[in-house]
C-alpha cells in the first residue's frame, strides 16, 4: 500500500501511530538538511547515498512508514523504491517538510 498524504493527514497519522513499535518516520534528505530540523523521532536515510536501496531493504517490510523530504520529490522517489522492495505500508508527505512545519 502506498499513499501520498497531506501535511494535516501526516500529523494525524503520527498522532495515531506514535505508540506503534512498527511505525517509523523516514527523512530522506541529506544529513545537513536533517540537522537543520526534522520531524520528531525521524530516522535520516539519505536518498543520495549509494547504499540507499540496501539501507531500505534492511528495514522491516511489514512495518508502517511515513517518508518525507524537503518538498516531496525525493520522498516520492523513495516511496517508489519501497514499493519495488515490497514494503507493505508506505505514506509519503505530498509537499514535504517545508510545508509540514
C-alpha atoms as a PDB file:
ATOM      1  CA  UNK A   1       0.000   0.000   0.000  1.00  0.00           C
ATOM      2  CA  UNK A   2       1.294   3.416  -0.969  1.00  0.00           C
ATOM      3  CA  UNK A   3      -0.444   6.683  -0.243  1.00  0.00           C
ATOM      4  CA  UNK A   4       0.559  10.292  -0.765  1.00  0.00           C
ATOM      5  CA  UNK A   5      -0.906  12.311   2.110  1.00  0.00           C
ATOM      6  CA  UNK A   6      -1.269  15.957   3.081  1.00  0.00           C
ATOM      7  CA  UNK A   7       0.519  17.667   5.965  1.00  0.00           C
ATOM      8  CA  UNK A   8      -2.631  17.504   8.100  1.00  0.00           C
ATOM      9  CA  UNK A   9      -3.054  13.783   7.347  1.00  0.00           C
ATOM     10  CA  UNK A  10       0.622  13.187   8.191  1.00  0.00           C
ATOM     11  CA  UNK A  11       0.235  14.894  11.566  1.00  0.00           C
ATOM     12  CA  UNK A  12      -2.859  12.793  12.259  1.00  0.00           C
ATOM     13  CA  UNK A  13      -1.031   9.603  11.222  1.00  0.00           C
ATOM     14  CA  UNK A  14       1.875  10.415  13.549  1.00  0.00           C
ATOM     15  CA  UNK A  15      -0.537  11.028  16.440  1.00  0.00           C
ATOM     16  CA  UNK A  16      -2.384   7.758  15.758  1.00  0.00           C
ATOM     17  CA  UNK A  17       0.703   5.572  15.332  1.00  0.00           C
ATOM     18  CA  UNK A  18       3.207   7.202  17.716  1.00  0.00           C
ATOM     19  CA  UNK A  19       2.999   4.278  20.169  1.00  0.00           C
ATOM     20  CA  UNK A  20       3.173   1.588  17.474  1.00  0.00           C
ATOM     21  CA  UNK A  21       6.600  -0.072  17.512  1.00  0.00           C
ATOM     22  CA  UNK A  22       6.222  -0.948  13.818  1.00  0.00           C
ATOM     23  CA  UNK A  23       5.738   2.712  12.769  1.00  0.00           C
ATOM     24  CA  UNK A  24       8.745   4.687  11.561  1.00  0.00           C
ATOM     25  CA  UNK A  25       9.296   8.140  10.123  1.00  0.00           C
ATOM     26  CA  UNK A  26      11.973   8.287   7.421  1.00  0.00           C
ATOM     27  CA  UNK A  27      13.633  11.545   6.402  1.00  0.00           C
ATOM     28  CA  UNK A  28      15.325  11.002   3.038  1.00  0.00           C
ATOM     29  CA  UNK A  29      17.074  14.390   2.902  1.00  0.00           C
ATOM     30  CA  UNK A  30      20.803  14.952   3.289  1.00  0.00           C
ATOM     31  CA  UNK A  31      22.319  14.845   6.793  1.00  0.00           C
ATOM     32  CA  UNK A  32      22.872  18.601   6.586  1.00  0.00           C
ATOM     33  CA  UNK A  33      19.188  19.218   5.874  1.00  0.00           C
ATOM     34  CA  UNK A  34      18.222  16.777   8.633  1.00  0.00           C
ATOM     35  CA  UNK A  35      20.387  18.603  11.168  1.00  0.00           C
ATOM     36  CA  UNK A  36      18.617  21.846  10.263  1.00  0.00           C
ATOM     37  CA  UNK A  37      15.326  20.471  11.579  1.00  0.00           C
ATOM     38  CA  UNK A  38      13.289  17.305  11.284  1.00  0.00           C
ATOM     39  CA  UNK A  39      10.065  15.671  12.431  1.00  0.00           C
ATOM     40  CA  UNK A  40      10.493  14.392  15.983  1.00  0.00           C
ATOM     41  CA  UNK A  41      11.587  10.768  16.015  1.00  0.00           C
ATOM     42  CA  UNK A  42      12.534  10.642  12.330  1.00  0.00           C
ATOM     43  CA  UNK A  43      15.410   8.489  11.101  1.00  0.00           C
ATOM     44  CA  UNK A  44      17.623  10.002   8.405  1.00  0.00           C
ATOM     45  CA  UNK A  45      18.429   7.816   5.392  1.00  0.00           C
ATOM     46  CA  UNK A  46      19.936   9.991   2.653  1.00  0.00           C
ATOM     47  CA  UNK A  47      18.444   9.138  -0.747  1.00  0.00           C
ATOM     48  CA  UNK A  48      21.653  10.294  -2.458  1.00  0.00           C
ATOM     49  CA  UNK A  49      23.828   7.689  -0.723  1.00  0.00           C
ATOM     50  CA  UNK A  50      24.907   4.833  -2.998  1.00  0.00           C
ATOM     51  CA  UNK A  51      23.661   2.261  -0.475  1.00  0.00           C
ATOM     52  CA  UNK A  52      20.232   3.894  -0.032  1.00  0.00           C
ATOM     53  CA  UNK A  53      18.355   0.956  -1.538  1.00  0.00           C
ATOM     54  CA  UNK A  54      20.304  -1.509   0.639  1.00  0.00           C
ATOM     55  CA  UNK A  55      19.507   0.524   3.775  1.00  0.00           C
ATOM     56  CA  UNK A  56      15.814   0.462   2.900  1.00  0.00           C
ATOM     57  CA  UNK A  57      15.980  -3.243   2.139  1.00  0.00           C
ATOM     58  CA  UNK A  58      17.325  -3.866   5.667  1.00  0.00           C
ATOM     59  CA  UNK A  59      14.184  -2.363   7.242  1.00  0.00           C
ATOM     60  CA  UNK A  60      11.136  -4.376   8.346  1.00  0.00           C
ATOM     61  CA  UNK A  61       8.953  -4.567   5.236  1.00  0.00           C
ATOM     62  CA  UNK A  62       5.884  -5.335   7.335  1.00  0.00           C
ATOM     63  CA  UNK A  63       6.203  -2.044   9.216  1.00  0.00           C
ATOM     64  CA  UNK A  64       4.381   1.207   8.553  1.00  0.00           C
ATOM     65  CA  UNK A  65       6.476   4.112   7.205  1.00  0.00           C
ATOM     66  CA  UNK A  66       5.952   7.829   6.789  1.00  0.00           C
ATOM     67  CA  UNK A  67       8.508   9.177   4.301  1.00  0.00           C
ATOM     68  CA  UNK A  68       9.373  12.808   3.674  1.00  0.00           C
ATOM     69  CA  UNK A  69      11.937  15.175   2.175  1.00  0.00           C
ATOM     70  CA  UNK A  70      12.062  18.954   1.714  1.00  0.00           C
ATOM     71  CA  UNK A  71       9.431  19.433  -0.981  1.00  0.00           C
ATOM     72  CA  UNK A  72       8.124  15.967  -1.890  1.00  0.00           C
ATOM     73  CA  UNK A  73      10.139  14.915  -4.964  1.00  0.00           C
ATOM     74  CA  UNK A  74      12.735  12.763  -3.184  1.00  0.00           C
ATOM     75  CA  UNK A  75      10.169  11.196  -0.864  1.00  0.00           C
ATOM     76  CA  UNK A  76       8.046  10.200  -3.863  1.00  0.00           C
ATOM     77  CA  UNK A  77      11.133   8.555  -5.402  1.00  0.00           C
ATOM     78  CA  UNK A  78      11.953   6.833  -2.095  1.00  0.00           C
ATOM     79  CA  UNK A  79       8.371   5.582  -1.714  1.00  0.00           C
ATOM     80  CA  UNK A  80       8.514   4.182  -5.247  1.00  0.00           C
ATOM     81  CA  UNK A  81      11.689   2.269  -4.358  1.00  0.00           C
ATOM     82  CA  UNK A  82       9.983   0.997  -1.201  1.00  0.00           C
ATOM     83  CA  UNK A  83       7.092  -0.260  -3.336  1.00  0.00           C
ATOM     84  CA  UNK A  84       9.575  -2.094  -5.575  1.00  0.00           C
ATOM     85  CA  UNK A  85      11.109  -3.665  -2.458  1.00  0.00           C
ATOM     86  CA  UNK A  86       7.643  -4.907  -1.376  1.00  0.00           C
ATOM     87  CA  UNK A  87       7.074  -2.733   1.691  1.00  0.00           C
ATOM     88  CA  UNK A  88       3.505  -3.237   2.851  1.00  0.00           C
ATOM     89  CA  UNK A  89       2.564   0.243   4.127  1.00  0.00           C
ATOM     90  CA  UNK A  90       4.191   3.489   2.955  1.00  0.00           C
ATOM     91  CA  UNK A  91       2.862   7.017   3.347  1.00  0.00           C
ATOM     92  CA  UNK A  92       4.594   9.956   1.690  1.00  0.00           C
ATOM     93  CA  UNK A  93       4.095  13.600   2.691  1.00  0.00           C
ATOM     94  CA  UNK A  94       2.959  15.184  -0.550  1.00  0.00           C
ATOM     95  CA  UNK A  95       4.512  18.624  -0.100  1.00  0.00           C
ATOM     96  CA  UNK A  96       7.424  17.684   2.123  1.00  0.00           C
ATOM     97  CA  UNK A  97       8.840  19.062   5.343  1.00  0.00           C
ATOM     98  CA  UNK A  98       8.856  22.696   4.214  1.00  0.00           C
ATOM     99  CA  UNK A  99       5.072  22.862   4.452  1.00  0.00           C
ATOM    100  CA  UNK A 100       4.831  20.455   7.394  1.00  0.00           C
ATOM    101  CA  UNK A 101       6.305  22.835   9.958  1.00  0.00           C
END
